[in-house]
Amino acid sequence: MNSLFKLALLTSALLLASACANQYPTSGASFNVKSVVELPEELSETSGLFCEIDSMYSLNDSGNAPIIYRINYQGEITERTRLPLTNRDWEAITADDTSFYIADVGNNKGKREKVEVHKVNRRNTNEITTFTLKYAGNNASSNIPYAHDFDSEAMVKYGNELLLFSKSWRTGITHVYKVNEGETEQTISPFASIEGLPGVVTGVDFDHHQGMFVITGYKSDPFGNFATFIAQISQDYTLFDIWPLERYKQVEGVCVDNKGTYWFSEEATEGRKASLSSAQITQK
């Protein structure tokens, strides 16, 4: 990592620390990790998670093979679906009954003028519609790596809406965007924002049991230190509850199963293998 990137990361970390200095809201509920398993080396760069009744789906990020991995709840790969796409920087996966949605939206350095979301027919994975997105106000030539807000790693299909949650390095204010599935090329503007999070957002799902969005993310610095968290966000995009994920680093995906169990995946980092964890919320 060169000195410019280190400086940008440090600046971003200081801005986030300042923005999140206030005490976090809490409902008094506790977040209890129940299980942790290592993921196969093939999923070392896991960067998204989607839960279904009997399995979940994940993918790897930047430059890896364009494969959707089906895994069981023990973290074992049970199926691989290779798509006729390029994985420039896949960062999230979500789905509904008929389609997978793959977010090729990674933009840490800020140099992408446009990003993409791929809608993949679940019955015929060669049938793909690509939505090309440009953020309103994004000027890639002037963005400072790791110190801008035109990035995203979190996407969820919420009812009939496809939502992107920004990875806001510069301000720490998470912006929420809608992707219009009726337009293959579009400029997107935020319709909601979330303040008070203690870091950037890397994963999102919707918890139908509690009627809340659940997000995960972290605050990092140039020296490899991570402060990771999971939070609940109300349907009007207000921070409701937050829990630190101690001993975790680069958590990238989160999903909620049909029983209300939270699952989250951690990308491999130096000296640490990729993992899959489950947790329960206990009301006090």
Protein backbone atom coordinates (compact mmCIF):
# COMPACT_ATOMS: atom_id res chain seq x y z
CA MET A 1 0.00 0.00 0.00
CA ASN A 2 1.56 3.30 -1.00
CA SER A 3 1.77 6.40 1.18
CA LEU A 4 -1.15 8.13 -0.58
CA PHE A 5 -3.51 5.24 0.18
CA LYS A 6 -2.29 5.09 3.79
CA LEU A 7 -2.88 8.80 4.23
CA ALA A 8 -6.33 8.56 2.64
CA LEU A 9 -7.27 5.64 4.89
CA LEU A 10 -6.05 7.44 7.98
CA THR A 11 -7.98 10.57 7.02
CA SER A 12 -11.11 8.49 6.42
CA ALA A 13 -10.71 6.70 9.75
CA LEU A 14 -10.35 10.00 11.62
CA LEU A 15 -13.41 11.45 9.90
CA LEU A 16 -15.47 8.38 10.77
CA ALA A 17 -14.27 8.43 14.36
CA SER A 18 -15.27 12.07 14.65
CA ALA A 19 -18.66 11.49 13.01
CA CYS A 20 -19.44 8.56 15.30
CA ALA A 21 -18.23 9.95 18.61
CA ASN A 22 -21.75 10.05 20.08
CA GLN A 23 -23.08 7.20 22.18
CA TYR A 24 -24.88 4.55 20.10
CA PRO A 25 -28.58 3.87 20.58
CA THR A 26 -29.45 0.54 22.19
CA SER A 27 -32.64 -1.38 22.91
CA GLY A 28 -30.99 -3.37 25.68
CA ALA A 29 -31.01 -6.57 23.62
CA SER A 30 -27.87 -8.72 23.55
CA PHE A 31 -26.23 -10.15 20.46
CA ASN A 32 -24.83 -13.62 21.10
CA VAL A 33 -22.57 -15.46 18.65
CA LYS A 34 -23.60 -19.14 18.65
CA SER A 35 -21.30 -20.81 16.13
CA VAL A 36 -18.22 -20.10 14.04
CA VAL A 37 -16.89 -22.32 11.24
CA GLU A 38 -14.07 -21.82 8.77
CA LEU A 39 -15.06 -21.42 5.14
CA PRO A 40 -13.23 -23.37 2.41
CA GLU A 41 -10.16 -21.68 0.97
CA GLU A 42 -12.10 -21.31 -2.29
CA LEU A 43 -14.23 -18.70 -0.47
CA SER A 44 -11.35 -16.80 1.10
CA GLU A 45 -12.59 -13.54 -0.40
CA THR A 46 -16.25 -14.05 0.40
CA SER A 47 -17.99 -10.74 -0.05
CA GLY A 48 -21.73 -11.29 0.15
CA LEU A 49 -24.30 -13.58 1.75
CA PHE A 50 -27.93 -14.47 1.07
CA CYS A 51 -29.97 -16.87 3.21
CA GLU A 52 -32.67 -19.31 2.09
CA ILE A 53 -34.42 -22.08 4.00
CA ASP A 54 -31.98 -24.94 3.45
CA SER A 55 -28.84 -23.12 2.26
CA MET A 56 -27.22 -19.79 1.58
CA TYR A 57 -25.34 -18.19 -1.31
CA SER A 58 -22.05 -16.33 -1.44
CA LEU A 59 -19.46 -15.04 -3.92
CA ASN A 60 -15.90 -13.75 -4.00
CA ASP A 61 -14.93 -10.20 -4.78
CA SER A 62 -12.47 -8.39 -7.02
CA GLY A 63 -10.96 -10.35 -9.90
CA ASN A 64 -12.12 -13.81 -8.81
CA ALA A 65 -14.07 -16.29 -10.94
CA PRO A 66 -17.69 -15.28 -11.73
CA ILE A 67 -19.18 -18.04 -9.57
CA ILE A 68 -22.20 -18.12 -7.26
CA TYR A 69 -21.48 -20.56 -4.43
CA ARG A 70 -24.28 -22.41 -2.72
CA ILE A 71 -23.23 -23.41 0.80
CA ASN A 72 -24.95 -25.25 3.62
CA TYR A 73 -25.26 -23.94 7.15
CA GLN A 74 -22.08 -25.77 8.10
CA GLY A 75 -20.14 -23.62 5.65
CA GLU A 76 -19.56 -26.39 3.07
CA ILE A 77 -19.84 -25.67 -0.66
CA THR A 78 -22.65 -27.76 -2.17
CA GLU A 79 -22.96 -26.19 -5.63
CA ARG A 80 -21.10 -23.83 -7.95
CA THR A 81 -22.83 -21.84 -10.69
CA ARG A 82 -20.45 -20.15 -13.12
CA LEU A 83 -21.95 -17.15 -14.87
CA PRO A 84 -21.00 -15.79 -18.33
CA LEU A 85 -19.82 -12.53 -16.76
CA THR A 86 -16.63 -10.82 -15.61
CA ASN A 87 -16.09 -10.37 -11.90
CA ARG A 88 -14.58 -6.90 -11.85
CA ASP A 89 -15.45 -6.35 -8.19
CA TRP A 90 -18.46 -8.34 -7.02
CA GLU A 91 -19.46 -7.22 -3.55
CA ALA A 92 -23.00 -8.40 -2.78
CA ILE A 93 -25.65 -10.98 -3.64
CA THR A 94 -29.37 -10.92 -2.98
CA ALA A 95 -32.33 -12.70 -4.57
CA ASP A 96 -36.06 -13.13 -4.89
CA ASP A 97 -38.05 -16.13 -6.08
CA THR A 98 -37.08 -15.71 -9.73
CA SER A 99 -33.72 -13.92 -9.84
CA PHE A 100 -30.31 -13.53 -8.28
CA TYR A 101 -28.88 -10.00 -8.13
CA ILE A 102 -25.09 -9.60 -8.28
CA ALA A 103 -23.61 -6.22 -7.35
CA ASP A 104 -20.43 -5.50 -9.31
CA VAL A 105 -20.08 -2.20 -7.49
CA GLY A 106 -16.75 -2.25 -5.61
CA ASN A 107 -15.10 1.15 -5.91
CA ASN A 108 -12.74 1.65 -2.97
CA LYS A 109 -10.35 3.76 -5.03
CA GLY A 110 -13.17 5.82 -6.54
CA LYS A 111 -11.99 5.43 -10.13
CA ARG A 112 -15.14 3.83 -11.59
CA GLU A 113 -17.42 6.25 -13.40
CA LYS A 114 -20.08 3.53 -13.62
CA VAL A 115 -20.85 0.31 -11.76
CA GLU A 116 -23.16 -2.61 -12.56
CA VAL A 117 -25.83 -4.83 -11.07
CA HIS A 118 -26.59 -8.13 -12.84
CA LYS A 119 -30.05 -9.70 -12.64
CA VAL A 120 -29.70 -13.45 -13.25
CA ASN A 121 -32.64 -15.74 -14.02
CA ARG A 122 -32.53 -18.53 -11.43
CA ARG A 123 -33.97 -21.11 -13.86
CA ASN A 124 -31.68 -20.15 -16.73
CA THR A 125 -28.49 -18.49 -15.46
CA ASN A 126 -27.45 -17.58 -19.00
CA GLU A 127 -30.38 -15.15 -19.07
CA ILE A 128 -28.93 -11.98 -17.56
CA THR A 129 -29.99 -8.33 -17.52
CA THR A 130 -27.34 -5.78 -16.55
CA PHE A 131 -28.16 -2.43 -14.99
CA THR A 132 -25.41 0.16 -15.49
CA LEU A 133 -25.40 2.76 -12.73
CA LYS A 134 -23.79 6.15 -12.32
CA TYR A 135 -23.89 7.98 -9.00
CA ALA A 136 -25.20 11.52 -9.27
CA GLY A 137 -22.33 13.90 -8.51
CA ASN A 138 -19.60 11.30 -8.98
CA ASN A 139 -16.46 12.60 -10.69
CA ALA A 140 -14.06 9.68 -10.71
CA SER A 141 -11.08 11.77 -11.73
CA SER A 142 -11.29 13.86 -8.56
CA ASN A 143 -12.07 11.13 -6.01
CA ILE A 144 -9.42 10.39 -3.39
CA PRO A 145 -8.97 6.63 -2.84
CA TYR A 146 -10.61 5.43 0.39
CA ALA A 147 -11.84 8.98 1.11
CA HIS A 148 -14.98 9.42 -1.01
CA ASP A 149 -18.65 8.34 -0.79
CA PHE A 150 -19.20 6.83 -4.27
CA ASP A 151 -18.70 3.22 -3.21
CA SER A 152 -20.98 0.38 -2.14
CA GLU A 153 -20.73 -3.20 -0.92
CA ALA A 154 -24.28 -3.83 0.36
CA MET A 155 -27.46 -4.64 -1.57
CA VAL A 156 -30.83 -6.15 -0.63
CA LYS A 157 -34.06 -6.99 -2.43
CA TYR A 158 -36.66 -5.43 -0.12
CA GLY A 159 -40.16 -6.26 -1.33
CA ASN A 160 -40.25 -5.00 -4.91
CA GLU A 161 -37.33 -2.63 -4.36
CA LEU A 162 -33.65 -3.27 -5.05
CA LEU A 163 -31.60 -1.16 -2.64
CA LEU A 164 -27.91 -0.24 -2.50
CA PHE A 165 -26.33 1.03 0.74
CA SER A 166 -23.22 3.16 0.27
CA LYS A 167 -19.78 2.58 1.73
CA SER A 168 -19.19 6.20 2.69
CA TRP A 169 -15.50 6.56 3.42
CA ARG A 170 -15.46 10.36 3.50
CA THR A 171 -18.48 11.38 5.57
CA GLY A 172 -19.51 8.20 7.39
CA ILE A 173 -23.12 8.95 6.41
CA THR A 174 -24.59 5.91 4.63
CA HIS A 175 -26.66 6.76 1.56
CA VAL A 176 -29.47 4.49 0.35
CA TYR A 177 -30.23 4.19 -3.38
CA LYS A 178 -32.98 2.47 -5.38
CA VAL A 179 -32.08 0.61 -8.56
CA ASN A 180 -34.82 0.88 -11.19
CA GLU A 181 -35.19 -2.53 -12.81
CA GLY A 182 -36.96 -0.92 -15.74
CA GLU A 183 -33.86 0.99 -16.90
CA THR A 184 -30.67 -0.69 -18.08
CA GLU A 185 -28.74 2.61 -17.77
CA GLN A 186 -29.50 5.09 -15.02
CA THR A 187 -28.14 7.77 -12.73
CA ILE A 188 -28.95 7.09 -9.09
CA SER A 189 -29.41 9.58 -6.27
CA PRO A 190 -29.90 8.75 -2.58
CA PHE A 191 -33.45 8.84 -1.24
CA ALA A 192 -32.45 8.21 2.39
CA SER A 193 -29.40 8.46 4.64
CA ILE A 194 -28.30 6.77 7.85
CA GLU A 195 -26.24 8.68 10.40
CA GLY A 196 -24.39 7.50 13.49
CA LEU A 197 -22.84 4.26 12.26
CA PRO A 198 -19.32 3.60 13.58
CA GLY A 199 -17.83 2.69 10.21
CA VAL A 200 -18.51 1.84 6.58
CA VAL A 201 -21.28 -0.58 5.56
CA THR A 202 -20.30 -3.86 3.87
CA GLY A 203 -23.46 -6.00 4.02
CA VAL A 204 -27.23 -5.72 4.44
CA ASP A 205 -30.35 -7.88 4.70
CA PHE A 206 -33.90 -7.40 5.94
CA ASP A 207 -35.02 -9.16 9.12
CA HIS A 208 -38.70 -9.99 8.53
CA HIS A 209 -39.08 -11.30 12.08
CA GLN A 210 -38.27 -7.94 13.66
CA GLY A 211 -39.14 -5.66 10.75
CA MET A 212 -35.62 -4.20 10.61
CA PHE A 213 -32.73 -3.93 8.20
CA VAL A 214 -29.61 -5.59 9.55
CA ILE A 215 -26.27 -4.27 8.40
CA THR A 216 -22.65 -5.06 9.07
CA GLY A 217 -19.49 -3.09 8.56
CA TYR A 218 -16.29 -1.88 10.13
CA LYS A 219 -13.96 1.00 10.80
CA SER A 220 -10.37 0.33 9.71
CA ASP A 221 -7.04 2.09 9.70
CA PRO A 222 -3.90 1.82 7.53
CA PHE A 223 -2.30 -0.52 10.06
CA GLY A 224 -4.72 -3.44 9.66
CA ASN A 225 -6.87 -2.70 12.72
CA PHE A 226 -10.61 -3.30 12.44
CA ALA A 227 -13.55 -2.33 14.67
CA THR A 228 -16.41 -4.45 13.30
CA PHE A 229 -20.12 -4.11 14.08
CA ILE A 230 -23.64 -5.32 13.34
CA ALA A 231 -26.58 -2.93 13.58
CA GLN A 232 -30.34 -2.83 13.14
CA ILE A 233 -31.88 -0.04 11.08
CA SER A 234 -35.58 0.78 11.14
CA GLN A 235 -37.71 0.85 8.01
CA ASP A 236 -37.45 4.65 8.01
CA TYR A 237 -33.62 4.29 7.95
CA THR A 238 -32.96 5.30 11.56
CA LEU A 239 -30.23 3.59 13.57
CA PHE A 240 -32.02 1.44 16.16
CA ASP A 241 -29.45 -0.85 17.79
CA ILE A 242 -25.79 -1.70 17.41
CA TRP A 243 -23.42 -4.37 18.67
CA PRO A 244 -19.62 -4.62 18.32
CA LEU A 245 -18.25 -7.81 16.77
CA GLU A 246 -15.18 -8.28 18.88
CA ARG A 247 -12.38 -10.51 17.57
CA TYR A 248 -13.67 -10.16 14.00
CA LYS A 249 -12.03 -8.19 11.21
CA GLN A 250 -13.26 -7.87 7.63
CA VAL A 251 -16.90 -8.96 7.89
CA GLU A 252 -18.38 -8.62 4.40
CA GLY A 253 -21.81 -10.29 4.29
CA VAL A 254 -24.87 -10.73 6.48
CA CYS A 255 -28.23 -12.46 6.11
CA VAL A 256 -31.15 -13.60 8.26
CA ASP A 257 -32.58 -17.11 7.92
CA ASN A 258 -36.23 -18.14 8.18
CA LYS A 259 -35.89 -18.74 11.94
CA GLY A 260 -34.52 -15.27 12.61
CA THR A 261 -30.92 -16.37 13.10
CA TYR A 262 -28.31 -13.88 11.94
CA TRP A 263 -25.43 -15.19 9.80
CA PHE A 264 -22.36 -13.22 8.80
CA SER A 265 -19.26 -14.01 6.74
CA GLU A 266 -15.72 -12.78 7.24
CA GLU A 267 -13.16 -12.50 4.47
CA ALA A 268 -9.72 -14.00 5.10
CA THR A 269 -7.11 -11.55 6.34
CA GLU A 270 -3.48 -11.97 7.33
CA GLY A 271 -3.25 -14.81 9.83
CA ARG A 272 -7.00 -15.35 9.80
CA LYS A 273 -9.12 -17.66 7.61
CA ALA A 274 -12.51 -16.81 6.13
CA SER A 275 -15.36 -17.72 8.45
CA LEU A 276 -19.12 -18.10 8.73
CA SER A 277 -20.83 -17.27 12.04
CA SER A 278 -24.35 -17.46 13.42
CA ALA A 279 -25.86 -15.32 16.18
CA GLN A 280 -29.08 -14.76 18.08
CA ILE A 281 -30.58 -11.59 19.51
CA THR A 282 -31.84 -11.99 23.09
CA GLN A 283 -34.20 -9.42 24.50
CA LYS A 284 -33.49 -8.42 28.11
